[in-house]
Protein backbone atom coordinates (compact mmCIF):
# COMPACT_ATOMS: atom_id res chain seq x y z
CA UNK A 1 10.06 -40.36 16.85
CA UNK A 2 11.48 -40.56 20.09
CA UNK A 3 7.98 -39.86 21.88
CA UNK A 4 6.05 -42.43 19.87
CA UNK A 5 9.12 -44.96 20.98
CA UNK A 6 8.80 -44.06 24.70
CA UNK A 7 4.95 -44.41 24.17
CA UNK A 8 5.61 -47.89 22.67
CA UNK A 9 7.93 -48.84 25.39
CA UNK A 10 5.41 -47.79 28.10
CA UNK A 11 2.80 -49.94 26.38
CA UNK A 12 5.13 -52.79 26.34
CA UNK A 13 6.10 -52.43 29.77
CA UNK A 14 2.33 -52.27 30.83
CA UNK A 15 1.43 -55.23 28.78
CA UNK A 16 4.40 -57.03 30.43
CA UNK A 17 3.13 -56.47 33.79
CA UNK A 18 -0.46 -56.87 33.06
CA UNK A 19 0.17 -60.31 31.42
CA UNK A 20 2.28 -61.32 34.26
CA UNK A 21 -0.58 -60.64 36.46
CA UNK A 22 -3.51 -61.77 34.62
CA UNK A 23 -1.57 -65.23 34.26
CA UNK A 24 -1.55 -65.88 38.20
CA UNK A 25 -4.62 -68.16 37.67
CA UNK A 26 -3.02 -71.79 37.64
CA UNK A 27 -5.17 -73.66 35.29
CA UNK A 28 -7.16 -80.78 30.97
CA UNK A 29 -7.45 -81.58 28.26
CA UNK A 30 -9.56 -80.69 31.17
CA UNK A 31 -13.45 -79.93 30.66
CA UNK A 32 -14.78 -76.80 30.74
CA UNK A 33 -16.69 -77.53 33.81
CA UNK A 34 -13.49 -78.30 35.83
CA UNK A 35 -11.69 -75.31 34.77
CA UNK A 36 -14.65 -72.91 35.82
CA UNK A 37 -14.80 -74.71 39.09
CA UNK A 38 -10.93 -74.01 39.60
CA UNK A 39 -11.56 -70.50 38.58
CA UNK A 40 -14.40 -70.43 41.27
CA UNK A 41 -12.38 -71.79 43.85
CA UNK A 42 -9.35 -69.63 43.30
CA UNK A 43 -11.37 -66.65 43.16
CA UNK A 44 -10.09 -65.67 39.43
CA UNK A 45 -13.09 -63.50 38.70
CA UNK A 46 -12.74 -61.22 41.38
CA UNK A 47 -8.91 -61.07 41.36
CA UNK A 48 -9.20 -60.04 37.57
CA UNK A 49 -11.71 -57.31 38.59
CA UNK A 50 -9.15 -56.30 41.29
CA UNK A 51 -6.32 -56.03 38.51
CA UNK A 52 -8.40 -53.79 36.49
CA UNK A 53 -9.62 -51.77 39.65
CA UNK A 54 -5.95 -51.07 40.69
CA UNK A 55 -4.94 -49.92 37.42
CA UNK A 56 -7.80 -47.84 36.94
CA UNK A 57 -7.22 -46.16 40.24
CA UNK A 58 -3.51 -45.25 39.21
CA UNK A 59 -4.88 -43.64 35.92
CA UNK A 60 -7.51 -41.78 37.77
CA UNK A 61 -5.08 -40.14 40.18
CA UNK A 62 -3.20 -39.00 37.18
CA UNK A 63 -5.75 -36.63 36.09
CA UNK A 64 -7.08 -35.91 39.55
CA UNK A 65 -3.72 -34.57 40.66
CA UNK A 66 -3.45 -32.42 37.47
CA UNK A 67 -3.74 -28.69 38.52
CA UNK A 68 -3.74 -26.93 35.10
CA UNK A 69 -7.39 -26.98 33.70
CA UNK A 70 -6.83 -27.89 30.15
CA UNK A 71 -4.43 -30.61 30.89
CA UNK A 72 -6.67 -31.93 33.53
CA UNK A 73 -9.67 -31.94 31.01
CA UNK A 74 -7.31 -33.89 28.72
CA UNK A 75 -6.33 -36.38 31.04
CA UNK A 76 -9.61 -37.06 32.35
CA UNK A 77 -10.77 -37.64 28.71
CA UNK A 78 -8.20 -40.13 28.07
CA UNK A 79 -8.81 -41.75 31.49
CA UNK A 80 -12.50 -42.11 30.57
CA UNK A 81 -12.00 -43.76 27.32
CA UNK A 82 -9.25 -45.97 28.48
CA UNK A 83 -11.41 -47.10 31.52
CA UNK A 84 -14.48 -47.83 29.37
CA UNK A 85 -12.57 -49.97 26.71
CA UNK A 86 -10.42 -51.88 29.42
CA UNK A 87 -13.74 -52.62 31.40
CA UNK A 88 -15.21 -53.94 28.20
CA UNK A 89 -12.67 -55.96 26.72
CA UNK A 90 -10.63 -56.92 30.06
CA UNK A 91 -13.20 -58.51 32.31
CA UNK A 92 -13.39 -62.15 33.34
CA UNK A 93 -16.29 -62.80 31.05
CA UNK A 94 -14.20 -61.97 28.12
CA UNK A 95 -10.97 -63.59 29.23
CA UNK A 96 -12.47 -66.70 30.54
CA UNK A 97 -13.05 -68.59 27.28
CA UNK A 98 -9.33 -67.79 26.34
CA UNK A 99 -8.04 -69.15 29.59
CA UNK A 100 -10.17 -72.40 29.10
CA UNK A 101 -9.18 -72.85 25.48
CA UNK A 102 -5.38 -72.13 26.50
CA UNK A 103 -5.26 -74.32 29.46
CA UNK A 104 -7.13 -77.39 27.99
CA UNK A 105 -4.08 -77.56 25.37
CA UNK A 106 -1.71 -77.80 28.37
CA UNK A 107 -3.14 -79.59 31.30
CA UNK A 108 -5.12 -82.79 31.68
CA UNK A 109 -8.18 -83.21 33.89
CA UNK A 110 -6.30 -84.90 36.85
CA UNK A 111 -3.85 -81.87 36.77
CA UNK A 112 -6.66 -79.40 37.34
CA UNK A 113 -8.50 -81.68 39.79
CA UNK A 114 -5.34 -81.81 41.92
CA UNK A 115 -5.28 -77.87 41.63
CA UNK A 116 -8.52 -77.50 42.95
CA UNK A 117 -7.68 -79.62 45.96
CA UNK A 118 -4.60 -77.86 46.47
CA UNK A 119 -6.24 -74.34 46.21
CA UNK A 120 -8.64 -75.27 49.06
CA UNK A 121 -5.75 -76.28 51.48
CA UNK A 122 -4.44 -74.10 53.81
CA UNK A 123 -1.68 -73.10 51.92
CA UNK A 124 -3.88 -72.43 48.98
CA UNK A 125 -5.71 -70.13 50.75
CA UNK A 126 -2.85 -68.32 51.79
CA UNK A 127 -1.93 -67.83 48.06
CA UNK A 128 -5.50 -66.90 47.01
CA UNK A 129 -6.55 -64.63 49.88
CA UNK A 130 -3.44 -62.87 50.64
CA UNK A 131 -0.39 -63.62 48.30
CA UNK A 132 -2.13 -62.92 44.89
CA UNK A 133 -3.92 -59.74 46.39
CA UNK A 134 -0.52 -58.48 47.51
CA UNK A 135 0.91 -59.18 44.04
CA UNK A 136 -1.88 -57.34 42.24
CA UNK A 137 -1.56 -54.35 44.55
CA UNK A 138 2.18 -53.69 43.76
CA UNK A 139 1.17 -53.61 39.93
CA UNK A 140 1.16 -49.89 39.80
CA UNK A 141 4.66 -49.43 41.60
CA UNK A 142 6.13 -52.09 39.14
CA UNK A 143 4.41 -50.64 36.06
CA UNK A 144 5.64 -46.92 37.11
CA UNK A 145 9.20 -48.32 37.73
CA UNK A 146 9.13 -50.18 34.49
CA UNK A 147 8.07 -46.98 32.57
CA UNK A 148 10.78 -45.04 34.05
CA UNK A 149 13.31 -47.53 33.21
CA UNK A 150 12.26 -47.60 29.57
CA UNK A 151 12.56 -43.59 29.65
CA UNK A 152 16.04 -44.01 31.22
CA UNK A 153 17.06 -46.66 28.73
CA UNK A 154 15.99 -44.60 25.67
CA UNK A 155 18.27 -41.70 26.70
CA UNK A 156 21.35 -44.24 26.40
CA UNK A 157 23.30 -43.20 23.35
CA UNK A 158 23.60 -45.82 20.67
CA UNK A 159 26.92 -47.49 21.21
CA UNK A 160 27.74 -46.42 24.50
CA UNK A 161 28.84 -48.97 27.19
CA UNK A 162 25.71 -50.56 28.99
CA UNK A 163 26.00 -49.88 32.43
CA UNK A 164 26.02 -52.85 34.75
CA UNK A 165 22.77 -53.86 36.27
CA UNK A 166 22.83 -52.54 39.88
CA UNK A 167 21.94 -55.34 42.43
CA UNK A 168 18.77 -54.91 44.29
CA UNK A 169 19.12 -53.26 47.86
CA UNK A 170 19.40 -55.57 50.75
CA UNK A 171 15.85 -56.53 52.18
CA UNK A 172 14.64 -54.28 54.83
CA UNK A 173 13.54 -56.91 57.18
CA UNK A 174 13.09 -60.87 57.77
CA UNK A 175 9.64 -60.90 56.13
CA UNK A 176 10.91 -59.21 52.92
CA UNK A 177 13.87 -61.58 52.78
CA UNK A 178 11.55 -64.43 53.03
CA UNK A 179 9.24 -63.07 50.34
CA UNK A 180 12.29 -62.58 48.15
CA UNK A 181 13.38 -66.23 48.81
CA UNK A 182 9.53 -67.35 47.96
CA UNK A 183 9.80 -65.60 44.57
CA UNK A 184 13.33 -66.38 43.89
CA UNK A 185 12.99 -70.06 44.31
CA UNK A 186 9.43 -70.45 42.68
CA UNK A 187 9.33 -73.33 40.43
CA UNK A 188 9.19 -72.09 36.66
CA UNK A 189 9.30 -68.20 37.76
CA UNK A 190 12.56 -67.33 36.49
CA UNK A 191 11.87 -69.23 33.17
CA UNK A 192 8.72 -67.54 32.74
CA UNK A 193 10.08 -64.20 33.14
CA UNK A 194 13.08 -65.00 30.65
CA UNK A 195 10.42 -65.97 28.02
CA UNK A 196 8.66 -62.81 28.40
CA UNK A 197 11.72 -60.97 28.13
CA UNK A 198 12.87 -62.88 24.84
CA UNK A 199 9.62 -61.50 23.17
CA UNK A 200 10.01 -57.72 24.27
CA UNK A 201 11.27 -56.73 20.63
CA UNK A 202 8.27 -58.00 19.07
CA UNK A 203 6.06 -56.31 21.69
CA UNK A 204 7.44 -53.33 21.30
CA UNK A 205 7.21 -53.37 17.28
CA UNK A 206 3.82 -54.31 17.70
CA UNK A 207 3.09 -51.26 19.95
CA UNK A 208 4.74 -48.94 17.70
CA UNK A 209 2.62 -50.15 14.76
CA UNK A 210 -0.52 -49.46 16.88
CA UNK A 211 0.79 -46.42 17.82
CA UNK A 212 2.23 -44.92 14.34
CA UNK A 213 1.01 -47.39 11.87
CA UNK A 214 2.98 -50.09 10.10
CA UNK A 215 4.73 -47.73 7.39
CA UNK A 216 5.86 -45.54 10.09
CA UNK A 217 6.88 -48.47 12.33
CA UNK A 218 9.16 -49.92 9.67
CA UNK A 219 11.24 -46.93 9.75
CA UNK A 220 11.64 -46.99 13.52
CA UNK A 221 12.61 -50.55 13.59
CA UNK A 222 16.24 -50.36 14.32
CA UNK A 223 15.84 -47.95 17.29
CA UNK A 224 13.02 -50.08 18.67
CA UNK A 225 14.84 -53.24 18.64
CA UNK A 226 17.77 -51.24 20.19
CA UNK A 227 15.91 -49.96 23.13
CA UNK A 228 14.05 -53.73 23.54
CA UNK A 229 17.67 -55.12 23.57
CA UNK A 230 18.68 -52.62 26.39
CA UNK A 231 15.42 -53.59 28.41
CA UNK A 232 16.38 -57.36 28.12
CA UNK A 233 19.87 -56.70 29.06
CA UNK A 234 19.48 -54.72 32.03
CA UNK A 235 15.99 -55.28 33.59
CA UNK A 236 16.75 -58.41 35.76
CA UNK A 237 14.66 -61.01 37.27
CA UNK A 238 16.26 -60.05 40.61
CA UNK A 239 15.26 -56.42 40.28
CA UNK A 240 11.54 -57.28 39.79
CA UNK A 241 11.46 -59.90 42.60
CA UNK A 242 12.87 -57.36 44.98
CA UNK A 243 9.95 -54.81 44.21
CA UNK A 244 7.30 -57.36 44.37
CA UNK A 245 8.76 -58.72 47.53
CA UNK A 246 8.42 -55.56 49.46
CA UNK A 247 4.67 -55.63 48.86
CA UNK A 248 4.13 -59.56 49.56
CA UNK A 249 6.57 -58.89 52.86
CA UNK A 250 4.01 -56.22 54.23
CA UNK A 251 1.00 -58.13 53.59
CA UNK A 252 1.88 -61.92 54.63
CA UNK A 253 3.21 -63.04 58.02
CA UNK A 254 6.40 -65.07 58.57
CA UNK A 255 4.64 -67.99 58.97
CA UNK A 256 2.32 -67.61 55.66
CA UNK A 257 5.61 -66.89 53.89
CA UNK A 258 7.47 -70.01 55.34
CA UNK A 259 4.24 -72.26 54.84
CA UNK A 260 4.46 -71.39 50.92
CA UNK A 261 8.06 -71.60 50.79
CA UNK A 262 8.06 -75.37 52.49
CA UNK A 263 4.78 -76.25 50.35
CA UNK A 264 6.91 -75.47 46.86
CA UNK A 265 9.51 -77.46 48.07
CA UNK A 266 7.49 -80.87 47.92
CA UNK A 267 8.00 -82.80 44.73
CA UNK A 268 4.38 -83.25 43.91
CA UNK A 269 3.82 -79.49 44.43
CA UNK A 270 6.93 -78.51 42.46
CA UNK A 271 5.75 -80.75 39.46
CA UNK A 272 2.26 -79.28 39.67
CA UNK A 273 3.77 -75.50 39.59
CA UNK A 274 5.87 -76.56 36.64
CA UNK A 275 2.88 -77.77 34.73
CA UNK A 276 1.03 -74.61 35.77
CA UNK A 277 3.75 -72.46 34.49
CA UNK A 278 3.94 -74.07 31.24
CA UNK A 279 0.12 -73.14 30.66
CA UNK A 280 0.57 -69.68 32.31
CA UNK A 281 3.24 -68.96 29.80
CA UNK A 282 0.81 -69.83 26.88
CA UNK A 283 -1.81 -67.65 28.64
CA UNK A 284 0.63 -64.95 28.52
CA UNK A 285 1.21 -65.23 25.00
CA UNK A 286 -2.62 -65.26 24.29
CA UNK A 287 -3.22 -62.16 26.45
CA UNK A 288 -0.47 -60.01 24.74
CA UNK A 289 -2.06 -61.09 21.61
CA UNK A 290 -5.54 -60.24 22.69
CA UNK A 291 -4.19 -56.75 24.09
CA UNK A 292 -2.52 -56.00 20.86
CA UNK A 293 -5.01 -57.21 18.27
CA UNK A 294 -8.24 -56.33 20.08
CA UNK A 295 -7.75 -53.91 22.92
CA UNK A 296 -5.06 -51.49 21.93
CA UNK A 297 -6.11 -50.91 18.18
CA UNK A 298 -9.56 -49.77 19.98
CA UNK A 299 -7.94 -47.96 22.65
CA UNK A 300 -5.16 -46.12 20.99
CA UNK A 301 -7.18 -44.11 18.34
CA UNK A 302 -9.60 -43.01 21.25
CA UNK A 303 -6.64 -41.85 23.16
CA UNK A 304 -5.07 -39.81 20.32
CA UNK A 305 -8.27 -37.91 19.65
CA UNK A 306 -8.52 -37.03 23.37
CA UNK A 307 -4.70 -35.85 23.05
CA UNK A 308 -5.71 -33.92 19.83
CA UNK A 309 -8.29 -31.78 21.65
CA UNK A 310 -7.26 -28.39 22.59
């Protein structure tokens, strides 16, 4: 049971990171044509491929670094199956219809037209060409960190006093400090994080059901919800921001960071971001459902077959 629960926690953490990344696209009712144009201007197709390539490279590293021949073959088989399924189901041609349908319910045509203008502006180009790729690049680090947090939380004994969340270490330099300020003050970002954390119990229950079946999952519900509660209580917004800020601080100049910070302070931009974040939240929910209902049910049985091979 413990192993299944840890695996469920890892799937939930992976979905958490992945949906946050995939919703970086700010999305009428806008027309399909306008949304498609926005996606082109903001390079969402290539950025989506970048997310998949980044996560795939991490998993490939795991089997390549394995020294035991049997384990290496097993890990490679698992990687091959996962990679094939992810590249089939999690590509922009599969995700764009979901994005369009979701954003059409949240944004007006004028909103998306304004977002196209912003995406083509100097600050918009910083976000598209530098900031978003930097966020994608640090996904493996954040994903690994969250997996380790899940394992540590699962080891906490029921009823034991929960340790106080540790504050992030001070920024290493001025750029990292600016990156933290940018992410901490991003309109709607904290609310977005809180909303995703609020659904962690349901995400983990869904992951357990995929892994062990509905009947077995019911018997694990109490422990699953305990782990999800610990995750929500002890993994903080500031903690995740500190991780992301290191990557962003490395890839953006002080001028870039300051330009985005100042742009976000403008009332019109703040209002635009708040609307976009609402659309992103809806997209995150759709992405999680898509992963749980379409991707994982195909991927997990194949992984189990690979794991069972001697």
